[in-house]
């Protein structure tokens, strides 16, 4: 059964976690990791969300 869609945060602060099942490798190489970060950045710009570190 799929989970219910998440509601938007009132504070607009989200924590993104990426992890493989049973410690499975997510990024095969550095190029995959860089591509993921580029996609994340582009969607951040599209959505207007800010990154807080």
N, C-alpha and C. Protein backbone atom coordinates (compact mmCIF):
# COMPACT_ATOMS: atom_id res chain seq x y z
N UNK A 1 0.84 -1.17 0.00
CA UNK A 1 0.00 0.00 0.00
C UNK A 1 0.89 1.24 0.00
N UNK A 2 0.71 2.13 -0.96
CA UNK A 2 1.55 3.34 -1.00
C UNK A 2 1.23 4.28 0.15
N UNK A 3 2.23 5.03 0.54
CA UNK A 3 2.01 5.98 1.63
C UNK A 3 1.34 7.25 1.11
N UNK A 4 0.70 7.96 2.02
CA UNK A 4 0.03 9.22 1.69
C UNK A 4 1.08 10.28 1.33
N UNK A 5 0.74 11.13 0.39
CA UNK A 5 1.66 12.19 -0.02
C UNK A 5 1.98 13.09 1.16
N UNK A 6 3.23 13.53 1.23
CA UNK A 6 3.64 14.43 2.31
C UNK A 6 3.04 15.81 2.11
N UNK A 7 2.73 16.44 3.22
CA UNK A 7 2.23 17.80 3.17
C UNK A 7 3.41 18.76 3.11
N UNK A 8 3.19 19.94 2.52
CA UNK A 8 4.25 20.95 2.48
C UNK A 8 4.50 21.46 3.89
N UNK A 9 5.76 21.64 4.21
CA UNK A 9 6.16 22.13 5.52
C UNK A 9 5.80 23.61 5.66
N UNK A 10 5.28 23.97 6.82
CA UNK A 10 4.96 25.38 7.09
C UNK A 10 6.22 26.23 7.12
N UNK A 11 7.34 25.62 7.52
CA UNK A 11 8.61 26.35 7.59
C UNK A 11 9.39 26.26 6.29
N UNK A 12 8.94 25.39 5.37
CA UNK A 12 9.61 25.15 4.09
C UNK A 12 11.02 24.58 4.29
N UNK A 13 11.23 23.89 5.42
CA UNK A 13 12.51 23.25 5.68
C UNK A 13 12.33 21.75 5.54
N UNK A 14 13.16 21.14 4.72
CA UNK A 14 13.09 19.70 4.48
C UNK A 14 14.47 19.10 4.66
N UNK A 15 14.50 17.86 5.07
CA UNK A 15 15.76 17.13 5.22
C UNK A 15 15.73 16.01 4.18
N UNK A 16 16.69 16.02 3.27
CA UNK A 16 16.75 15.02 2.21
C UNK A 16 17.73 13.93 2.61
N UNK A 17 17.26 12.70 2.59
CA UNK A 17 18.10 11.56 2.93
C UNK A 17 18.07 10.60 1.75
N UNK A 18 19.23 10.13 1.39
CA UNK A 18 19.33 9.17 0.31
C UNK A 18 20.15 8.00 0.82
N UNK A 19 19.53 6.82 0.80
CA UNK A 19 20.24 5.67 1.33
C UNK A 19 19.74 4.42 0.60
N UNK A 20 20.63 3.49 0.38
CA UNK A 20 20.29 2.26 -0.31
C UNK A 20 19.74 1.22 0.65
N UNK A 21 18.87 0.37 0.14
CA UNK A 21 18.33 -0.73 0.93
C UNK A 21 19.46 -1.72 1.23
N UNK A 22 19.56 -2.12 2.49
CA UNK A 22 20.60 -3.06 2.91
C UNK A 22 22.00 -2.58 2.54
N UNK A 23 22.20 -1.27 2.68
CA UNK A 23 23.49 -0.64 2.39
C UNK A 23 23.95 -0.82 0.94
N UNK A 24 22.99 -0.94 0.06
CA UNK A 24 23.27 -1.08 -1.37
C UNK A 24 23.91 0.21 -1.89
N UNK A 25 24.86 0.08 -2.81
CA UNK A 25 25.52 1.23 -3.41
C UNK A 25 24.49 2.02 -4.22
N UNK A 26 24.46 3.32 -4.00
CA UNK A 26 23.52 4.18 -4.72
C UNK A 26 24.17 4.78 -5.96
N UNK A 27 25.37 5.27 -5.80
CA UNK A 27 26.09 5.89 -6.91
C UNK A 27 27.22 4.95 -7.33
N UNK A 28 27.18 4.51 -8.57
CA UNK A 28 28.20 3.59 -9.08
C UNK A 28 29.56 4.26 -9.19
N UNK A 29 29.55 5.55 -9.50
CA UNK A 29 30.82 6.27 -9.62
C UNK A 29 30.59 7.75 -9.33
N UNK A 30 31.64 8.52 -9.36
CA UNK A 30 31.57 9.95 -9.05
C UNK A 30 30.67 10.69 -10.03
N UNK A 31 30.66 10.26 -11.28
CA UNK A 31 29.81 10.91 -12.29
C UNK A 31 28.33 10.81 -11.91
N UNK A 32 27.90 9.64 -11.40
CA UNK A 32 26.52 9.47 -10.94
C UNK A 32 26.21 10.43 -9.80
N UNK A 33 27.13 10.54 -8.86
CA UNK A 33 26.93 11.42 -7.71
C UNK A 33 26.82 12.88 -8.14
N UNK A 34 27.68 13.29 -9.03
CA UNK A 34 27.67 14.67 -9.53
C UNK A 34 26.36 14.95 -10.27
N UNK A 35 25.90 13.99 -11.08
CA UNK A 35 24.64 14.15 -11.82
C UNK A 35 23.47 14.32 -10.86
N UNK A 36 23.45 13.53 -9.78
CA UNK A 36 22.40 13.65 -8.77
C UNK A 36 22.41 15.05 -8.15
N UNK A 37 23.58 15.54 -7.78
CA UNK A 37 23.68 16.87 -7.17
C UNK A 37 23.24 17.96 -8.15
N UNK A 38 23.56 17.80 -9.43
CA UNK A 38 23.13 18.77 -10.44
C UNK A 38 21.60 18.77 -10.58
N UNK A 39 21.00 17.59 -10.58
CA UNK A 39 19.54 17.50 -10.66
C UNK A 39 18.88 18.13 -9.43
N UNK A 40 19.44 17.84 -8.27
CA UNK A 40 18.92 18.42 -7.03
C UNK A 40 18.99 19.95 -7.08
N UNK A 41 20.10 20.47 -7.56
CA UNK A 41 20.27 21.92 -7.68
C UNK A 41 19.26 22.53 -8.66
N UNK A 42 19.05 21.86 -9.79
CA UNK A 42 18.12 22.40 -10.79
C UNK A 42 16.69 22.43 -10.25
N UNK A 43 16.28 21.38 -9.52
CA UNK A 43 14.94 21.38 -8.95
C UNK A 43 14.81 22.37 -7.81
N UNK A 44 15.90 22.63 -7.12
CA UNK A 44 15.89 23.65 -6.08
C UNK A 44 15.61 25.01 -6.72
N UNK A 45 16.27 25.29 -7.82
CA UNK A 45 16.08 26.57 -8.51
C UNK A 45 14.66 26.70 -9.07
N UNK A 46 14.13 25.60 -9.62
CA UNK A 46 12.78 25.61 -10.16
C UNK A 46 11.75 25.86 -9.07
N UNK A 47 11.94 25.21 -7.93
CA UNK A 47 10.96 25.29 -6.85
C UNK A 47 11.11 26.55 -6.01
N UNK A 48 12.29 27.16 -6.03
CA UNK A 48 12.52 28.35 -5.23
C UNK A 48 12.91 28.07 -3.79
N UNK A 49 13.11 26.80 -3.44
CA UNK A 49 13.52 26.46 -2.08
C UNK A 49 14.99 26.80 -1.86
N UNK A 50 15.32 27.17 -0.65
CA UNK A 50 16.69 27.50 -0.27
C UNK A 50 17.32 26.32 0.45
N UNK A 51 18.62 26.16 0.32
CA UNK A 51 19.35 25.12 1.03
C UNK A 51 19.94 25.72 2.29
N UNK A 52 19.67 25.09 3.39
CA UNK A 52 20.22 25.51 4.68
C UNK A 52 21.20 24.44 5.13
N UNK A 53 22.39 24.84 5.50
CA UNK A 53 23.38 23.86 5.96
C UNK A 53 23.65 24.04 7.43
